[in-house]
Structure formats: structure tokens, C-alpha cells
């Protein structure tokens, strides 16, 4: 699934659609706000742009999140299940590959 769910707010009523943007469809996914880029769709120009959300080092891969809220803020098992069911892959991004940090109970 390489489509992007877009919303054209210039139309009345606002219209949702799936769109394909060739170059951006090659971006890999990263969960839980650990992606370093975001995409935005402009309904007037029908142009999709990508912007960095953090400093990018030379040679660093640009990643976007394939999932929106509330799924992107869910715990790892829920995100991975959603991605498997809807995008047909098992997520191995930075957020899903990091071990779970367990905090000591407060006494």
C-alpha cells in the first residue's frame, strides 16, 4: 500500500481520497514520533511536500510515519499489529527495535 490518505479542504464539503505520490512512496516508515520527516498535502496546488522534523545528517535515511493518531501513539504491540493488518509488514523501525525500558517501582 503506497497510497497517501489526503483531505482536500478547499472543496465543500471537504473530500478525502487516496493518492499516489511516486517519490514519497519510497520513504520508509518509523513509529512513535521517531520519524525525521513529515508530509503535507496542499489541496490548492495538489502538491505533497516533505519537511524534516529534526536535523538530518549526511547519508541519514529520511523516514515518515505511515500511521496517524491514535495508532502512532499506541504501545509497540498495537502499532505493529495495525501495520501488519493494514500495510502487510512487520515493523522493525527504531522505535519497534529498541528494547523496552522498565522503570523501577516508586516506593
PDB file of N, CA and C in Angstrom:
ATOM      1  N   UNK A   1       0.856  -1.176   0.000  1.00  0.00           N
ATOM      2  CA  UNK A   1       0.000   0.000   0.000  1.00  0.00           C
ATOM      3  C   UNK A   1       0.892   1.225   0.000  1.00  0.00           C
ATOM      4  N   UNK A   2       1.008   1.894  -1.117  1.00  0.00           N
ATOM      5  CA  UNK A   2       1.830   3.094  -1.220  1.00  0.00           C
ATOM      6  C   UNK A   2       0.992   4.352  -1.384  1.00  0.00           C
ATOM      7  N   UNK A   3      -0.294   4.259  -1.125  1.00  0.00           N
ATOM      8  CA  UNK A   3      -1.159   5.413  -1.247  1.00  0.00           C
ATOM      9  C   UNK A   3      -1.106   6.297  -0.014  1.00  0.00           C
ATOM     10  N   UNK A   4      -1.395   7.557  -0.197  1.00  0.00           N
ATOM     11  CA  UNK A   4      -1.459   8.525   0.889  1.00  0.00           C
ATOM     12  C   UNK A   4      -2.901   8.982   1.036  1.00  0.00           C
ATOM     13  N   UNK A   5      -3.405   8.940   2.256  1.00  0.00           N
ATOM     14  CA  UNK A   5      -4.757   9.417   2.500  1.00  0.00           C
ATOM     15  C   UNK A   5      -4.696  10.932   2.623  1.00  0.00           C
ATOM     16  N   UNK A   6      -5.348  11.606   1.691  1.00  0.00           N
ATOM     17  CA  UNK A   6      -5.303  13.066   1.655  1.00  0.00           C
ATOM     18  C   UNK A   6      -6.704  13.623   1.879  1.00  0.00           C
ATOM     19  N   UNK A   7      -6.747  14.872   2.307  1.00  0.00           N
ATOM     20  CA  UNK A   7      -8.008  15.574   2.519  1.00  0.00           C
ATOM     21  C   UNK A   7      -7.899  16.918   1.802  1.00  0.00           C
ATOM     22  N   UNK A   8      -8.788  17.144   0.868  1.00  0.00           N
ATOM     23  CA  UNK A   8      -8.816  18.422   0.158  1.00  0.00           C
ATOM     24  C   UNK A   8      -9.803  19.337   0.864  1.00  0.00           C
ATOM     25  N   UNK A   9      -9.266  20.253   1.665  1.00  0.00           N
ATOM     26  CA  UNK A   9     -10.103  21.163   2.451  1.00  0.00           C
ATOM     27  C   UNK A   9     -10.626  22.329   1.620  1.00  0.00           C
ATOM     28  N   UNK A  10     -10.158  22.461   0.367  1.00  0.00           N
ATOM     29  CA  UNK A  10     -10.644  23.556  -0.477  1.00  0.00           C
ATOM     30  C   UNK A  10     -12.009  23.232  -1.070  1.00  0.00           C
ATOM     31  N   UNK A  11     -12.374  21.957  -1.094  1.00  0.00           N
ATOM     32  CA  UNK A  11     -13.677  21.552  -1.627  1.00  0.00           C
ATOM     33  C   UNK A  11     -14.737  21.621  -0.547  1.00  0.00           C
ATOM     34  N   UNK A  12     -15.982  21.838  -0.928  1.00  0.00           N
ATOM     35  CA  UNK A  12     -17.097  21.853   0.013  1.00  0.00           C
ATOM     36  C   UNK A  12     -18.097  20.814  -0.408  1.00  0.00           C
ATOM     37  N   UNK A  13     -18.332  19.792   0.359  1.00  0.00           N
ATOM     38  CA  UNK A  13     -17.669  19.508   1.628  1.00  0.00           C
ATOM     39  C   UNK A  13     -16.238  19.017   1.388  1.00  0.00           C
ATOM     40  N   UNK A  14     -15.377  19.115   2.412  1.00  0.00           N
ATOM     41  CA  UNK A  14     -14.010  18.602   2.273  1.00  0.00           C
ATOM     42  C   UNK A  14     -14.052  17.137   1.814  1.00  0.00           C
ATOM     43  N   UNK A  15     -13.125  16.792   0.942  1.00  0.00           N
ATOM     44  CA  UNK A  15     -13.152  15.483   0.312  1.00  0.00           C
ATOM     45  C   UNK A  15     -11.888  14.692   0.634  1.00  0.00           C
ATOM     46  N   UNK A  16     -12.078  13.442   1.046  1.00  0.00           N
ATOM     47  CA  UNK A  16     -10.955  12.550   1.327  1.00  0.00           C
ATOM     48  C   UNK A  16     -10.719  11.652   0.120  1.00  0.00           C
ATOM     49  N   UNK A  17      -9.448  11.281  -0.086  1.00  0.00           N
ATOM     50  CA  UNK A  17      -9.100  10.399  -1.199  1.00  0.00           C
ATOM     51  C   UNK A  17      -7.779   9.715  -0.895  1.00  0.00           C
ATOM     52  N   UNK A  18      -7.491   8.671  -1.627  1.00  0.00           N
ATOM     53  CA  UNK A  18      -6.173   8.050  -1.609  1.00  0.00           C
ATOM     54  C   UNK A  18      -5.443   8.545  -2.844  1.00  0.00           C
ATOM     55  N   UNK A  19      -4.179   8.908  -2.668  1.00  0.00           N
ATOM     56  CA  UNK A  19      -3.388   9.426  -3.776  1.00  0.00           C
ATOM     57  C   UNK A  19      -2.037   8.740  -3.789  1.00  0.00           C
ATOM     58  N   UNK A  20      -1.426   8.689  -4.954  1.00  0.00           N
ATOM     59  CA  UNK A  20      -0.099   8.108  -5.089  1.00  0.00           C
ATOM     60  C   UNK A  20       0.877   9.205  -5.478  1.00  0.00           C
ATOM     61  N   UNK A  21       1.931   9.337  -4.709  1.00  0.00           N
ATOM     62  CA  UNK A  21       2.992  10.291  -4.984  1.00  0.00           C
ATOM     63  C   UNK A  21       4.270   9.475  -5.134  1.00  0.00           C
ATOM     64  N   UNK A  22       4.747   9.370  -6.349  1.00  0.00           N
ATOM     65  CA  UNK A  22       5.794   8.421  -6.712  1.00  0.00           C
ATOM     66  C   UNK A  22       7.026   8.480  -5.799  1.00  0.00           C
ATOM     67  N   UNK A  23       7.680   9.607  -5.703  1.00  0.00           N
ATOM     68  CA  UNK A  23       8.935   9.679  -4.940  1.00  0.00           C
ATOM     69  C   UNK A  23       8.727   9.461  -3.449  1.00  0.00           C
ATOM     70  N   UNK A  24       7.688  10.043  -2.900  1.00  0.00           N
ATOM     71  CA  UNK A  24       7.452   9.924  -1.459  1.00  0.00           C
ATOM     72  C   UNK A  24       7.049   8.491  -1.096  1.00  0.00           C
ATOM     73  N   UNK A  25       6.522   7.742  -2.052  1.00  0.00           N
ATOM     74  CA  UNK A  25       6.118   6.363  -1.763  1.00  0.00           C
ATOM     75  C   UNK A  25       7.324   5.470  -1.460  1.00  0.00           C
ATOM     76  N   UNK A  26       8.538   5.936  -1.722  1.00  0.00           N
ATOM     77  CA  UNK A  26       9.739   5.163  -1.420  1.00  0.00           C
ATOM     78  C   UNK A  26      10.266   5.421  -0.009  1.00  0.00           C
ATOM     79  N   UNK A  27       9.688   6.366   0.721  1.00  0.00           N
ATOM     80  CA  UNK A  27      10.132   6.636   2.087  1.00  0.00           C
ATOM     81  C   UNK A  27       9.763   5.462   2.984  1.00  0.00           C
ATOM     82  N   UNK A  28      10.657   5.081   3.871  1.00  0.00           N
ATOM     83  CA  UNK A  28      10.364   4.045   4.856  1.00  0.00           C
ATOM     84  C   UNK A  28       9.639   4.657   6.046  1.00  0.00           C
ATOM     85  N   UNK A  29       9.041   3.779   6.837  1.00  0.00           N
ATOM     86  CA  UNK A  29       8.243   4.164   7.992  1.00  0.00           C
ATOM     87  C   UNK A  29       9.070   4.106   9.278  1.00  0.00           C
ATOM     88  N   UNK A  30       8.740   4.977  10.216  1.00  0.00           N
ATOM     89  CA  UNK A  30       9.271   4.899  11.576  1.00  0.00           C
ATOM     90  C   UNK A  30       8.159   5.324  12.532  1.00  0.00           C
ATOM     91  N   UNK A  31       7.988   4.543  13.597  1.00  0.00           N
ATOM     92  CA  UNK A  31       6.885   4.736  14.558  1.00  0.00           C
ATOM     93  C   UNK A  31       7.182   5.770  15.635  1.00  0.00           C
ATOM     94  N   UNK A  32       6.123   6.043  16.382  1.00  0.00           N
ATOM     95  CA  UNK A  32       6.171   6.708  17.687  1.00  0.00           C
ATOM     96  C   UNK A  32       6.923   8.027  17.701  1.00  0.00           C
ATOM     97  N   UNK A  33       6.758   8.818  16.672  1.00  0.00           N
ATOM     98  CA  UNK A  33       7.398  10.132  16.658  1.00  0.00           C
ATOM     99  C   UNK A  33       8.894  10.086  16.455  1.00  0.00           C
ATOM    100  N   UNK A  34       9.446   8.932  16.087  1.00  0.00           N
ATOM    101  CA  UNK A  34      10.885   8.833  15.851  1.00  0.00           C
ATOM    102  C   UNK A  34      11.228   9.036  14.374  1.00  0.00           C
ATOM    103  N   UNK A  35      10.200   9.276  13.550  1.00  0.00           N
ATOM    104  CA  UNK A  35      10.460   9.621  12.155  1.00  0.00           C
ATOM    105  C   UNK A  35      11.104  11.003  12.111  1.00  0.00           C
ATOM    106  N   UNK A  36      11.881  11.273  11.074  1.00  0.00           N
ATOM    107  CA  UNK A  36      12.577  12.554  10.990  1.00  0.00           C
ATOM    108  C   UNK A  36      12.036  13.457   9.888  1.00  0.00           C
ATOM    109  N   UNK A  37      10.888  13.078   9.325  1.00  0.00           N
ATOM    110  CA  UNK A  37      10.260  13.903   8.293  1.00  0.00           C
ATOM    111  C   UNK A  37       8.744  13.731   8.360  1.00  0.00           C
ATOM    112  N   UNK A  38       8.032  14.717   7.858  1.00  0.00           N
ATOM    113  CA  UNK A  38       6.568  14.656   7.775  1.00  0.00           C
ATOM    114  C   UNK A  38       6.144  15.094   6.378  1.00  0.00           C
ATOM    115  N   UNK A  39       4.989  14.634   5.956  1.00  0.00           N
ATOM    116  CA  UNK A  39       4.458  15.057   4.664  1.00  0.00           C
ATOM    117  C   UNK A  39       3.190  15.864   4.870  1.00  0.00           C
ATOM    118  N   UNK A  40       2.966  16.799   3.956  1.00  0.00           N
ATOM    119  CA  UNK A  40       1.767  17.648   3.984  1.00  0.00           C
ATOM    120  C   UNK A  40       1.229  17.765   2.560  1.00  0.00           C
ATOM    121  N   UNK A  41      -0.084  17.730   2.451  1.00  0.00           N
ATOM    122  CA  UNK A  41      -0.739  17.857   1.154  1.00  0.00           C
ATOM    123  C   UNK A  41      -1.417  19.209   1.065  1.00  0.00           C
ATOM    124  N   UNK A  42      -1.210  19.904  -0.044  1.00  0.00           N
ATOM    125  CA  UNK A  42      -1.851  21.196  -0.306  1.00  0.00           C
ATOM    126  C   UNK A  42      -2.932  20.970  -1.354  1.00  0.00           C
ATOM    127  N   UNK A  43      -4.197  21.089  -0.942  1.00  0.00           N
ATOM    128  CA  UNK A  43      -5.309  20.844  -1.844  1.00  0.00           C
ATOM    129  C   UNK A  43      -5.397  21.825  -2.993  1.00  0.00           C
ATOM    130  N   UNK A  44      -4.917  23.047  -2.798  1.00  0.00           N
ATOM    131  CA  UNK A  44      -4.994  24.035  -3.876  1.00  0.00           C
ATOM    132  C   UNK A  44      -4.005  23.722  -4.990  1.00  0.00           C
ATOM    133  N   UNK A  45      -2.770  23.395  -4.618  1.00  0.00           N
ATOM    134  CA  UNK A  45      -1.750  23.112  -5.626  1.00  0.00           C
ATOM    135  C   UNK A  45      -1.709  21.634  -5.996  1.00  0.00           C
ATOM    136  N   UNK A  46      -2.381  20.800  -5.171  1.00  0.00           N
ATOM    137  CA  UNK A  46      -2.335  19.338  -5.319  1.00  0.00           C
ATOM    138  C   UNK A  46      -0.896  18.840  -5.272  1.00  0.00           C
ATOM    139  N   UNK A  47      -0.146  19.427  -4.355  1.00  0.00           N
ATOM    140  CA  UNK A  47       1.275  19.133  -4.213  1.00  0.00           C
ATOM    141  C   UNK A  47       1.525  18.554  -2.828  1.00  0.00           C
ATOM    142  N   UNK A  48       2.271  17.495  -2.757  1.00  0.00           N
ATOM    143  CA  UNK A  48       2.652  16.900  -1.484  1.00  0.00           C
ATOM    144  C   UNK A  48       4.104  17.293  -1.218  1.00  0.00           C
ATOM    145  N   UNK A  49       4.364  17.853  -0.039  1.00  0.00           N
ATOM    146  CA  UNK A  49       5.722  18.252   0.312  1.00  0.00           C
ATOM    147  C   UNK A  49       6.181  17.483   1.540  1.00  0.00           C
ATOM    148  N   UNK A  50       7.485  17.303   1.641  1.00  0.00           N
ATOM    149  CA  UNK A  50       8.101  16.620   2.771  1.00  0.00           C
ATOM    150  C   UNK A  50       9.038  17.601   3.447  1.00  0.00           C
ATOM    151  N   UNK A  51       8.938  17.667   4.786  1.00  0.00           N
ATOM    152  CA  UNK A  51       9.794  18.554   5.567  1.00  0.00           C
ATOM    153  C   UNK A  51      10.483  17.766   6.665  1.00  0.00           C
ATOM    154  N   UNK A  52      11.709  18.127   6.952  1.00  0.00           N
ATOM    155  CA  UNK A  52      12.442  17.496   8.053  1.00  0.00           C
ATOM    156  C   UNK A  52      11.887  18.002   9.378  1.00  0.00           C
ATOM    157  N   UNK A  53      11.842  17.116  10.371  1.00  0.00           N
ATOM    158  CA  UNK A  53      11.381  17.494  11.712  1.00  0.00           C
ATOM    159  C   UNK A  53      12.533  17.513  12.706  1.00  0.00           C
ATOM    160  N   UNK A  54      13.723  17.173  12.226  1.00  0.00           N
ATOM    161  CA  UNK A  54      14.923  17.141  13.065  1.00  0.00           C
ATOM    162  C   UNK A  54      16.114  17.361  12.143  1.00  0.00           C
ATOM    163  N   UNK A  55      17.255  17.735  12.703  1.00  0.00           N
ATOM    164  CA  UNK A  55      18.453  17.850  11.856  1.00  0.00           C
ATOM    165  C   UNK A  55      18.764  16.498  11.197  1.00  0.00           C
ATOM    166  N   UNK A  56      19.143  16.541   9.932  1.00  0.00           N
ATOM    167  CA  UNK A  56      19.430  15.327   9.163  1.00  0.00           C
ATOM    168  C   UNK A  56      20.925  15.295   8.857  1.00  0.00           C
ATOM    169  N   UNK A  57      21.562  14.198   9.224  1.00  0.00           N
ATOM    170  CA  UNK A  57      22.984  14.027   8.919  1.00  0.00           C
ATOM    171  C   UNK A  57      23.137  13.544   7.479  1.00  0.00           C
ATOM    172  N   UNK A  58      24.279  13.845   6.886  1.00  0.00           N
ATOM    173  CA  UNK A  58      24.544  13.372   5.537  1.00  0.00           C
ATOM    174  C   UNK A  58      24.481  11.847   5.514  1.00  0.00           C
ATOM    175  N   UNK A  59      23.750  11.310   4.573  1.00  0.00           N
ATOM    176  CA  UNK A  59      23.614   9.869   4.432  1.00  0.00           C
ATOM    177  C   UNK A  59      22.527   9.247   5.293  1.00  0.00           C
ATOM    178  N   UNK A  60      21.924  10.034   6.193  1.00  0.00           N
ATOM    179  CA  UNK A  60      20.858   9.508   7.058  1.00  0.00           C
ATOM    180  C   UNK A  60      19.585   9.310   6.242  1.00  0.00           C
ATOM    181  N   UNK A  61      18.901   8.213   6.506  1.00  0.00           N
ATOM    182  CA  UNK A  61      17.654   7.915   5.818  1.00  0.00           C
ATOM    183  C   UNK A  61      16.537   8.823   6.326  1.00  0.00           C
ATOM    184  N   UNK A  62      15.735   9.340   5.401  1.00  0.00           N
ATOM    185  CA  UNK A  62      14.537  10.088   5.778  1.00  0.00           C
ATOM    186  C   UNK A  62      13.406   9.098   5.987  1.00  0.00           C
ATOM    187  N   UNK A  63      12.686   9.241   7.099  1.00  0.00           N
ATOM    188  CA  UNK A  63      11.564   8.351   7.383  1.00  0.00           C
ATOM    189  C   UNK A  63      10.334   9.183   7.718  1.00  0.00           C
ATOM    190  N   UNK A  64       9.175   8.644   7.344  1.00  0.00           N
ATOM    191  CA  UNK A  64       7.894   9.256   7.674  1.00  0.00           C
ATOM    192  C   UNK A  64       7.083   8.227   8.449  1.00  0.00           C
ATOM    193  N   UNK A  65       6.016   8.665   9.096  1.00  0.00           N
ATOM    194  CA  UNK A  65       5.114   7.726   9.752  1.00  0.00           C
ATOM    195  C   UNK A  65       3.988   7.399   8.790  1.00  0.00           C
ATOM    196  N   UNK A  66       3.734   6.117   8.605  1.00  0.00           N
ATOM    197  CA  UNK A  66       2.629   5.693   7.751  1.00  0.00           C
ATOM    198  C   UNK A  66       1.299   5.779   8.483  1.00  0.00           C
ATOM    199  N   UNK A  67       1.340   5.924   9.794  1.00  0.00           N
ATOM    200  CA  UNK A  67       0.118   5.879  10.587  1.00  0.00           C
ATOM    201  C   UNK A  67      -0.087   7.176  11.349  1.00  0.00           C
ATOM    202  N   UNK A  68      -1.333   7.544  11.502  1.00  0.00           N
ATOM    203  CA  UNK A  68      -1.701   8.773  12.193  1.00  0.00           C
ATOM    204  C   UNK A  68      -2.178   8.451  13.606  1.00  0.00           C
ATOM    205  N   UNK A  69      -2.485   9.480  14.343  1.00  0.00           N
ATOM    206  CA  UNK A  69      -3.037   9.294  15.679  1.00  0.00           C
ATOM    207  C   UNK A  69      -4.401   8.638  15.557  1.00  0.00           C
ATOM    208  N   UNK A  70      -4.787   7.790  16.444  1.00  0.00           N
ATOM    209  CA  UNK A  70      -4.151   7.438  17.708  1.00  0.00           C
ATOM    210  C   UNK A  70      -3.132   6.316  17.584  1.00  0.00           C
ATOM    211  N   UNK A  71      -3.047   5.671  16.401  1.00  0.00           N
ATOM    212  CA  UNK A  71      -2.203   4.486  16.269  1.00  0.00           C
ATOM    213  C   UNK A  71      -0.733   4.771  16.503  1.00  0.00           C
ATOM    214  N   UNK A  72      -0.240   5.922  16.074  1.00  0.00           N
ATOM    215  CA  UNK A  72       1.192   6.203  16.214  1.00  0.00           C
ATOM    216  C   UNK A  72       1.603   6.378  17.671  1.00  0.00           C
ATOM    217  N   UNK A  73       0.656   6.645  18.549  1.00  0.00           N
ATOM    218  CA  UNK A  73       0.971   6.825  19.972  1.00  0.00           C
ATOM    219  C   UNK A  73       0.688   5.581  20.808  1.00  0.00           C
ATOM    220  N   UNK A  74       0.259   4.504  20.178  1.00  0.00           N
ATOM    221  CA  UNK A  74      -0.048   3.276  20.900  1.00  0.00           C
ATOM    222  C   UNK A  74       1.239   2.549  21.289  1.00  0.00           C
ATOM    223  N   UNK A  75       1.105   1.573  22.157  1.00  0.00           N
ATOM    224  CA  UNK A  75       2.242   0.741  22.549  1.00  0.00           C
ATOM    225  C   UNK A  75       2.711  -0.081  21.349  1.00  0.00           C
ATOM    226  N   UNK A  76       3.952  -0.525  21.403  1.00  0.00           N
ATOM    227  CA  UNK A  76       4.560  -1.245  20.292  1.00  0.00           C
ATOM    228  C   UNK A  76       3.713  -2.404  19.760  1.00  0.00           C
ATOM    229  N   UNK A  77       3.178  -3.291  20.599  1.00  0.00           N
ATOM    230  CA  UNK A  77       2.387  -4.402  20.045  1.00  0.00           C
ATOM    231  C   UNK A  77       1.176  -3.938  19.231  1.00  0.00           C
ATOM    232  N   UNK A  78       0.500  -2.907  19.697  1.00  0.00           N
ATOM    233  CA  UNK A  78      -0.675  -2.394  18.974  1.00  0.00           C
ATOM    234  C   UNK A  78      -0.266  -1.760  17.649  1.00  0.00           C
ATOM    235  N   UNK A  79       0.820  -0.985  17.646  1.00  0.00           N
ATOM    236  CA  UNK A  79       1.295  -0.372  16.397  1.00  0.00           C
ATOM    237  C   UNK A  79       1.686  -1.451  15.393  1.00  0.00           C
ATOM    238  N   UNK A  80       2.441  -2.440  15.871  1.00  0.00           N
ATOM    239  CA  UNK A  80       2.910  -3.494  14.971  1.00  0.00           C
ATOM    240  C   UNK A  80       1.730  -4.284  14.395  1.00  0.00           C
ATOM    241  N   UNK A  81       0.729  -4.560  15.212  1.00  0.00           N
ATOM    242  CA  UNK A  81      -0.447  -5.275  14.723  1.00  0.00           C
ATOM    243  C   UNK A  81      -1.179  -4.441  13.672  1.00  0.00           C
ATOM    244  N   UNK A  82      -1.352  -3.153  13.936  1.00  0.00           N
ATOM    245  CA  UNK A  82      -2.028  -2.268  12.986  1.00  0.00           C
ATOM    246  C   UNK A  82      -1.274  -2.221  11.654  1.00  0.00           C
ATOM    247  N   UNK A  83       0.055  -2.081  11.715  1.00  0.00           N
ATOM    248  CA  UNK A  83       0.856  -2.026  10.492  1.00  0.00           C
ATOM    249  C   UNK A  83       0.798  -3.348   9.730  1.00  0.00           C
ATOM    250  N   UNK A  84       0.818  -4.454  10.437  1.00  0.00           N
ATOM    251  CA  UNK A  84       0.735  -5.769   9.779  1.00  0.00           C
ATOM    252  C   UNK A  84      -0.618  -5.931   9.091  1.00  0.00           C
ATOM    253  N   UNK A  85      -1.692  -5.562   9.780  1.00  0.00           N
ATOM    254  CA  UNK A  85      -3.029  -5.717   9.214  1.00  0.00           C
ATOM    255  C   UNK A  85      -3.298  -4.759   8.058  1.00  0.00           C
ATOM    256  N   UNK A  86      -2.782  -3.538   8.139  1.00  0.00           N
ATOM    257  CA  UNK A  86      -3.128  -2.515   7.153  1.00  0.00           C
ATOM    258  C   UNK A  86      -2.068  -2.261   6.090  1.00  0.00           C
ATOM    259  N   UNK A  87      -0.807  -2.588   6.386  1.00  0.00           N
ATOM    260  CA  UNK A  87       0.277  -2.320   5.437  1.00  0.00           C
ATOM    261  C   UNK A  87       1.065  -3.583   5.081  1.00  0.00           C
ATOM    262  N   UNK A  88       0.723  -4.699   5.731  1.00  0.00           N
ATOM    263  CA  UNK A  88       1.293  -6.012   5.439  1.00  0.00           C
ATOM    264  C   UNK A  88       2.812  -6.088   5.632  1.00  0.00           C
ATOM    265  N   UNK A  89       3.313  -5.485   6.718  1.00  0.00           N
ATOM    266  CA  UNK A  89       4.712  -5.684   7.077  1.00  0.00           C
ATOM    267  C   UNK A  89       4.857  -5.667   8.590  1.00  0.00           C
ATOM    268  N   UNK A  90       5.899  -6.323   9.066  1.00  0.00           N
ATOM    269  CA  UNK A  90       6.236  -6.313  10.488  1.00  0.00           C
ATOM    270  C   UNK A  90       7.222  -5.180  10.694  1.00  0.00           C
ATOM    271  N   UNK A  91       6.865  -4.236  11.530  1.00  0.00           N
ATOM    272  CA  UNK A  91       7.682  -3.044  11.708  1.00  0.00           C
ATOM    273  C   UNK A  91       8.964  -3.366  12.476  1.00  0.00           C
ATOM    274  N   UNK A  92      10.077  -2.957  11.897  1.00  0.00           N
ATOM    275  CA  UNK A  92      11.392  -3.103  12.523  1.00  0.00           C
ATOM    276  C   UNK A  92      12.097  -1.752  12.618  1.00  0.00           C
ATOM    277  N   UNK A  93      11.312  -0.686  12.741  1.00  0.00           N
ATOM    278  CA  UNK A  93      11.882   0.661  12.828  1.00  0.00           C
ATOM    279  C   UNK A  93      12.616   0.841  14.158  1.00  0.00           C
ATOM    280  N   UNK A  94      13.253   2.014  14.323  1.00  0.00           N
ATOM    281  CA  UNK A  94      13.995   2.296  15.559  1.00  0.00           C
ATOM    282  C   UNK A  94      13.122   2.146  16.794  1.00  0.00           C
ATOM    283  N   UNK A  95      11.916   2.670  16.746  1.00  0.00           N
ATOM    284  CA  UNK A  95      11.030   2.618  17.915  1.00  0.00           C
ATOM    285  C   UNK A  95      10.628   1.194  18.250  1.00  0.00           C
ATOM    286  N   UNK A  96      10.427   0.362  17.241  1.00  0.00           N
ATOM    287  CA  UNK A  96       9.995  -1.012  17.482  1.00  0.00           C
ATOM    288  C   UNK A  96      11.162  -1.950  17.775  1.00  0.00           C
ATOM    289  N   UNK A  97      12.360  -1.557  17.398  1.00  0.00           N
ATOM    290  CA  UNK A  97      13.536  -2.403  17.610  1.00  0.00           C
ATOM    291  C   UNK A  97      14.212  -2.164  18.945  1.00  0.00           C
ATOM    292  N   UNK A  98      13.965  -1.000  19.562  1.00  0.00           N
ATOM    293  CA  UNK A  98      14.589  -0.697  20.844  1.00  0.00           C
ATOM    294  C   UNK A  98      13.978  -1.560  21.945  1.00  0.00           C
ATOM    295  N   UNK A  99      14.807  -2.038  22.858  1.00  0.00           N
ATOM    296  CA  UNK A  99      14.241  -2.817  23.971  1.00  0.00           C
ATOM    297  C   UNK A  99      13.361  -1.932  24.859  1.00  0.00           C
ATOM    298  N   UNK A 100      12.394  -2.557  25.484  1.00  0.00           N
ATOM    299  CA  UNK A 100      11.501  -1.840  26.386  1.00  0.00           C
ATOM    300  C   UNK A 100      12.275  -1.510  27.652  1.00  0.00           C
ATOM    301  N   UNK A 101      12.217  -0.245  28.058  1.00  0.00           N
ATOM    302  CA  UNK A 101      12.883   0.189  29.283  1.00  0.00           C
ATOM    303  C   UNK A 101      11.882   0.056  30.414  1.00  0.00           C
ATOM    304  N   UNK A 102      12.250  -0.707  31.397  1.00  0.00           N
ATOM    305  CA  UNK A 102      11.371  -0.910  32.566  1.00  0.00           C
ATOM    306  C   UNK A 102      11.896  -0.047  33.702  1.00  0.00           C
ATOM    307  N   UNK A 103      11.033   0.750  34.262  1.00  0.00           N
ATOM    308  CA  UNK A 103      11.398   1.623  35.360  1.00  0.00           C
ATOM    309  C   UNK A 103      11.179   0.899  36.691  1.00  0.00           C
ATOM    310  N   UNK A 104      12.022   1.190  37.642  1.00  0.00           N
ATOM    311  CA  UNK A 104      11.852   0.607  38.977  1.00  0.00           C
ATOM    312  C   UNK A 104      10.613   1.206  39.614  1.00  0.00           C
ATOM    313  N   UNK A 105       9.862   0.416  40.366  1.00  0.00           N
ATOM    314  CA  UNK A 105       8.651   0.950  41.009  1.00  0.00           C
ATOM    315  C   UNK A 105       9.020   2.026  42.043  1.00  0.00           C
ATOM    316  N   UNK A 106       8.166   3.009  42.137  1.00  0.00           N
ATOM    317  CA  UNK A 106       8.359   4.065  43.138  1.00  0.00           C
ATOM    318  C   UNK A 106       7.953   3.539  44.501  1.00  0.00           C
ATOM    319  N   UNK A 107       8.754   3.832  45.475  1.00  0.00           N
ATOM    320  CA  UNK A 107       8.455   3.364  46.834  1.00  0.00           C
ATOM    321  C   UNK A 107       8.137   4.553  47.700  1.00  0.00           C
TER     322      UNK A 107
END
